[in-house]
């Protein structure tokens, strides 16, 4: 019974996230989470070296290859409520 409840709660969270991901202009994404460092990596191109990085006031790193955004890195990912204060 507990296993079923956990699965339902997890699936509800996944479905909420899907709606947000579908709004992204990128159709392919690679997502990695480093639990020990609490860092979430989202790449919009196959993971690659960025040529430049910009940090927002919220501690989000926007990674560029030349002038194109190739990914974002979210520091302290588990502590975020989903509200971005600045970009």
N, C-alpha and C. Protein backbone atom coordinates (compact mmCIF):
# COMPACT_ATOMS: atom_id res chain seq x y z
N UNK A 1 0.82 -1.19 0.00
CA UNK A 1 0.00 0.00 0.00
C UNK A 1 0.86 1.26 0.00
N UNK A 2 1.87 1.35 0.86
CA UNK A 2 2.73 2.54 0.94
C UNK A 2 3.45 2.76 -0.38
N UNK A 3 3.87 1.68 -1.02
CA UNK A 3 4.54 1.79 -2.32
C UNK A 3 3.63 2.45 -3.34
N UNK A 4 2.38 2.09 -3.36
CA UNK A 4 1.42 2.66 -4.30
C UNK A 4 1.21 4.15 -4.04
N UNK A 5 1.13 4.55 -2.78
CA UNK A 5 0.93 5.96 -2.43
C UNK A 5 2.15 6.78 -2.88
N UNK A 6 3.33 6.30 -2.61
CA UNK A 6 4.54 7.00 -3.02
C UNK A 6 4.57 7.15 -4.53
N UNK A 7 4.22 6.11 -5.24
CA UNK A 7 4.23 6.17 -6.70
C UNK A 7 3.23 7.20 -7.21
N UNK A 8 2.05 7.27 -6.62
CA UNK A 8 1.03 8.24 -7.05
C UNK A 8 1.50 9.66 -6.78
N UNK A 9 2.10 9.90 -5.61
CA UNK A 9 2.61 11.24 -5.29
C UNK A 9 3.73 11.64 -6.24
N UNK A 10 4.60 10.72 -6.52
CA UNK A 10 5.70 10.99 -7.45
C UNK A 10 5.16 11.26 -8.84
N UNK A 11 4.21 10.49 -9.28
CA UNK A 11 3.64 10.69 -10.61
C UNK A 11 2.93 12.04 -10.70
N UNK A 12 2.25 12.46 -9.65
CA UNK A 12 1.60 13.78 -9.66
C UNK A 12 2.63 14.88 -9.82
N UNK A 13 3.76 14.77 -9.14
CA UNK A 13 4.83 15.77 -9.27
C UNK A 13 5.41 15.77 -10.68
N UNK A 14 5.58 14.60 -11.25
CA UNK A 14 6.10 14.50 -12.61
C UNK A 14 5.14 15.15 -13.60
N UNK A 15 3.86 14.92 -13.45
CA UNK A 15 2.88 15.51 -14.37
C UNK A 15 2.87 17.03 -14.27
N UNK A 16 3.03 17.57 -13.07
CA UNK A 16 3.11 19.03 -12.91
C UNK A 16 4.33 19.58 -13.64
N UNK A 17 5.43 18.88 -13.54
CA UNK A 17 6.68 19.31 -14.18
C UNK A 17 6.58 19.23 -15.70
N UNK A 18 5.91 18.23 -16.21
CA UNK A 18 5.77 18.06 -17.66
C UNK A 18 5.16 19.30 -18.30
N UNK A 19 4.13 19.85 -17.69
CA UNK A 19 3.47 21.03 -18.24
C UNK A 19 4.44 22.19 -18.37
N UNK A 20 5.30 22.36 -17.40
CA UNK A 20 6.30 23.43 -17.47
C UNK A 20 7.35 23.14 -18.54
N UNK A 21 7.81 21.91 -18.61
CA UNK A 21 8.84 21.55 -19.59
C UNK A 21 8.34 21.71 -21.02
N UNK A 22 7.06 21.46 -21.26
CA UNK A 22 6.51 21.59 -22.61
C UNK A 22 6.50 23.03 -23.09
N UNK A 23 6.59 23.99 -22.19
CA UNK A 23 6.63 25.40 -22.55
C UNK A 23 8.02 25.86 -23.00
N UNK A 24 9.05 25.06 -22.73
CA UNK A 24 10.41 25.42 -23.13
C UNK A 24 10.50 25.45 -24.65
N UNK A 25 11.31 26.34 -25.20
CA UNK A 25 11.48 26.38 -26.65
C UNK A 25 12.35 25.22 -27.15
N UNK A 26 12.95 24.47 -26.22
CA UNK A 26 13.83 23.35 -26.58
C UNK A 26 13.04 22.05 -26.51
N UNK A 27 13.20 21.21 -27.50
CA UNK A 27 12.43 19.96 -27.53
C UNK A 27 13.21 18.77 -26.99
N UNK A 28 14.54 18.91 -26.89
CA UNK A 28 15.35 17.85 -26.30
C UNK A 28 16.11 18.44 -25.12
N UNK A 29 16.12 17.70 -24.02
CA UNK A 29 16.82 18.14 -22.84
C UNK A 29 17.47 16.95 -22.15
N UNK A 30 18.61 17.21 -21.55
CA UNK A 30 19.30 16.22 -20.75
C UNK A 30 19.35 16.79 -19.34
N UNK A 31 18.86 16.03 -18.37
CA UNK A 31 18.76 16.51 -17.00
C UNK A 31 19.55 15.59 -16.09
N UNK A 32 20.41 16.20 -15.28
CA UNK A 32 21.20 15.46 -14.30
C UNK A 32 21.11 16.18 -12.97
N UNK A 33 21.02 15.42 -11.90
CA UNK A 33 20.98 16.00 -10.57
C UNK A 33 22.08 15.40 -9.72
N UNK A 34 22.92 16.25 -9.14
CA UNK A 34 23.97 15.83 -8.22
C UNK A 34 23.44 16.06 -6.81
N UNK A 35 22.99 14.99 -6.18
CA UNK A 35 22.34 15.09 -4.87
C UNK A 35 23.31 15.60 -3.81
N UNK A 36 24.53 15.15 -3.85
CA UNK A 36 25.52 15.54 -2.84
C UNK A 36 25.79 17.05 -2.91
N UNK A 37 25.92 17.58 -4.11
CA UNK A 37 26.18 19.02 -4.29
C UNK A 37 24.88 19.82 -4.35
N UNK A 38 23.75 19.15 -4.50
CA UNK A 38 22.43 19.78 -4.65
C UNK A 38 22.41 20.73 -5.85
N UNK A 39 22.87 20.21 -6.97
CA UNK A 39 22.94 20.99 -8.21
C UNK A 39 22.19 20.25 -9.31
N UNK A 40 21.31 20.97 -10.01
CA UNK A 40 20.55 20.42 -11.12
C UNK A 40 21.12 20.99 -12.42
N UNK A 41 21.47 20.11 -13.34
CA UNK A 41 22.00 20.51 -14.64
C UNK A 41 20.97 20.20 -15.71
N UNK A 42 20.61 21.19 -16.51
CA UNK A 42 19.71 20.99 -17.64
C UNK A 42 20.44 21.45 -18.89
N UNK A 43 20.64 20.53 -19.82
CA UNK A 43 21.33 20.85 -21.07
C UNK A 43 20.32 20.80 -22.21
N UNK A 44 20.38 21.80 -23.09
CA UNK A 44 19.48 21.87 -24.23
C UNK A 44 20.13 21.34 -25.50
N UNK A 45 21.39 21.11 -25.43
CA UNK A 45 22.16 20.44 -26.48
C UNK A 45 22.82 19.28 -25.78
N UNK A 46 23.29 18.32 -26.52
CA UNK A 46 24.02 17.24 -25.85
C UNK A 46 25.07 17.90 -24.96
N UNK A 47 25.21 17.42 -23.71
CA UNK A 47 26.15 18.09 -22.80
C UNK A 47 27.48 18.38 -23.47
N UNK A 48 27.90 19.63 -23.34
CA UNK A 48 29.11 20.10 -23.99
C UNK A 48 29.72 21.24 -23.20
N UNK A 49 30.90 21.62 -23.57
CA UNK A 49 31.58 22.72 -22.91
C UNK A 49 30.93 24.04 -23.31
N UNK A 50 30.65 24.87 -22.35
CA UNK A 50 30.12 26.19 -22.62
C UNK A 50 31.30 27.14 -22.86
N UNK A 51 31.07 28.14 -23.70
CA UNK A 51 32.11 29.14 -23.94
C UNK A 51 31.95 30.33 -23.01
N UNK A 52 30.77 30.47 -22.38
CA UNK A 52 30.52 31.58 -21.47
C UNK A 52 29.41 31.17 -20.50
N UNK A 53 29.44 31.76 -19.31
CA UNK A 53 28.43 31.49 -18.30
C UNK A 53 28.05 32.79 -17.63
N UNK A 54 26.76 32.96 -17.40
CA UNK A 54 26.24 34.13 -16.72
C UNK A 54 25.51 33.66 -15.47
N UNK A 55 25.74 34.32 -14.32
CA UNK A 55 25.04 33.95 -13.10
C UNK A 55 23.98 35.00 -12.79
N UNK A 56 22.75 34.52 -12.55
CA UNK A 56 21.67 35.44 -12.19
C UNK A 56 21.76 35.76 -10.71
N UNK A 57 20.97 36.71 -10.27
CA UNK A 57 20.93 37.08 -8.85
C UNK A 57 20.42 35.93 -7.98
N UNK A 58 19.71 34.99 -8.59
CA UNK A 58 19.15 33.85 -7.86
C UNK A 58 20.09 32.65 -7.80
N UNK A 59 21.31 32.78 -8.30
CA UNK A 59 22.24 31.67 -8.26
C UNK A 59 21.99 30.62 -9.32
N UNK A 60 21.44 31.05 -10.44
CA UNK A 60 21.24 30.15 -11.58
C UNK A 60 22.27 30.51 -12.63
N UNK A 61 22.98 29.50 -13.10
CA UNK A 61 24.00 29.72 -14.13
C UNK A 61 23.39 29.45 -15.50
N UNK A 62 23.51 30.41 -16.38
CA UNK A 62 23.05 30.24 -17.76
C UNK A 62 24.30 30.00 -18.60
N UNK A 63 24.33 28.86 -19.27
CA UNK A 63 25.52 28.46 -20.02
C UNK A 63 25.31 28.69 -21.51
N UNK A 64 26.32 29.28 -22.11
CA UNK A 64 26.27 29.62 -23.54
C UNK A 64 27.39 28.93 -24.29
N UNK A 65 27.13 28.62 -25.53
CA UNK A 65 28.18 28.25 -26.47
C UNK A 65 28.04 29.28 -27.59
N UNK A 66 29.01 30.16 -27.65
CA UNK A 66 28.94 31.35 -28.50
C UNK A 66 27.74 32.17 -28.03
N UNK A 67 26.76 32.46 -28.86
CA UNK A 67 25.61 33.27 -28.45
C UNK A 67 24.36 32.45 -28.14
N UNK A 68 24.47 31.14 -28.16
CA UNK A 68 23.32 30.27 -27.98
C UNK A 68 23.31 29.67 -26.57
N UNK A 69 22.14 29.71 -25.91
CA UNK A 69 22.02 29.08 -24.59
C UNK A 69 22.03 27.56 -24.80
N UNK A 70 22.96 26.89 -24.12
CA UNK A 70 23.04 25.44 -24.24
C UNK A 70 22.62 24.73 -22.96
N UNK A 71 22.39 25.50 -21.88
CA UNK A 71 21.93 24.86 -20.66
C UNK A 71 21.88 25.81 -19.50
N UNK A 72 21.31 25.29 -18.40
CA UNK A 72 21.30 26.05 -17.16
C UNK A 72 21.72 25.12 -16.02
N UNK A 73 22.32 25.71 -15.01
CA UNK A 73 22.74 24.99 -13.82
C UNK A 73 22.07 25.67 -12.64
N UNK A 74 21.35 24.90 -11.84
CA UNK A 74 20.61 25.45 -10.72
C UNK A 74 21.28 25.01 -9.42
N UNK A 75 21.87 25.98 -8.72
CA UNK A 75 22.53 25.72 -7.45
C UNK A 75 21.48 25.62 -6.35
N UNK A 76 21.74 24.81 -5.34
CA UNK A 76 20.80 24.58 -4.23
C UNK A 76 19.40 24.24 -4.76
N UNK A 77 19.36 23.33 -5.69
CA UNK A 77 18.12 23.00 -6.40
C UNK A 77 16.99 22.53 -5.48
N UNK A 78 17.30 21.76 -4.47
CA UNK A 78 16.24 21.21 -3.61
C UNK A 78 15.61 22.27 -2.71
N UNK A 79 16.23 23.41 -2.58
CA UNK A 79 15.71 24.47 -1.70
C UNK A 79 14.87 25.49 -2.45
N UNK A 80 14.65 25.29 -3.72
CA UNK A 80 13.94 26.27 -4.54
C UNK A 80 12.45 25.98 -4.56
N UNK A 81 11.67 27.04 -4.53
CA UNK A 81 10.21 26.90 -4.52
C UNK A 81 9.63 26.96 -5.93
N UNK A 82 10.46 27.28 -6.90
CA UNK A 82 9.96 27.42 -8.26
C UNK A 82 9.77 28.87 -8.66
N UNK A 83 9.93 29.79 -7.72
CA UNK A 83 9.80 31.21 -8.03
C UNK A 83 11.16 31.80 -8.37
N UNK A 84 11.27 32.36 -9.56
CA UNK A 84 12.50 33.01 -9.98
C UNK A 84 12.32 34.50 -9.76
N UNK A 85 13.23 35.11 -9.01
CA UNK A 85 13.11 36.53 -8.70
C UNK A 85 13.74 37.42 -9.75
N UNK A 86 14.73 36.88 -10.45
CA UNK A 86 15.41 37.71 -11.45
C UNK A 86 15.98 36.85 -12.55
N UNK A 87 16.23 37.48 -13.67
CA UNK A 87 16.89 36.81 -14.78
C UNK A 87 17.70 37.82 -15.52
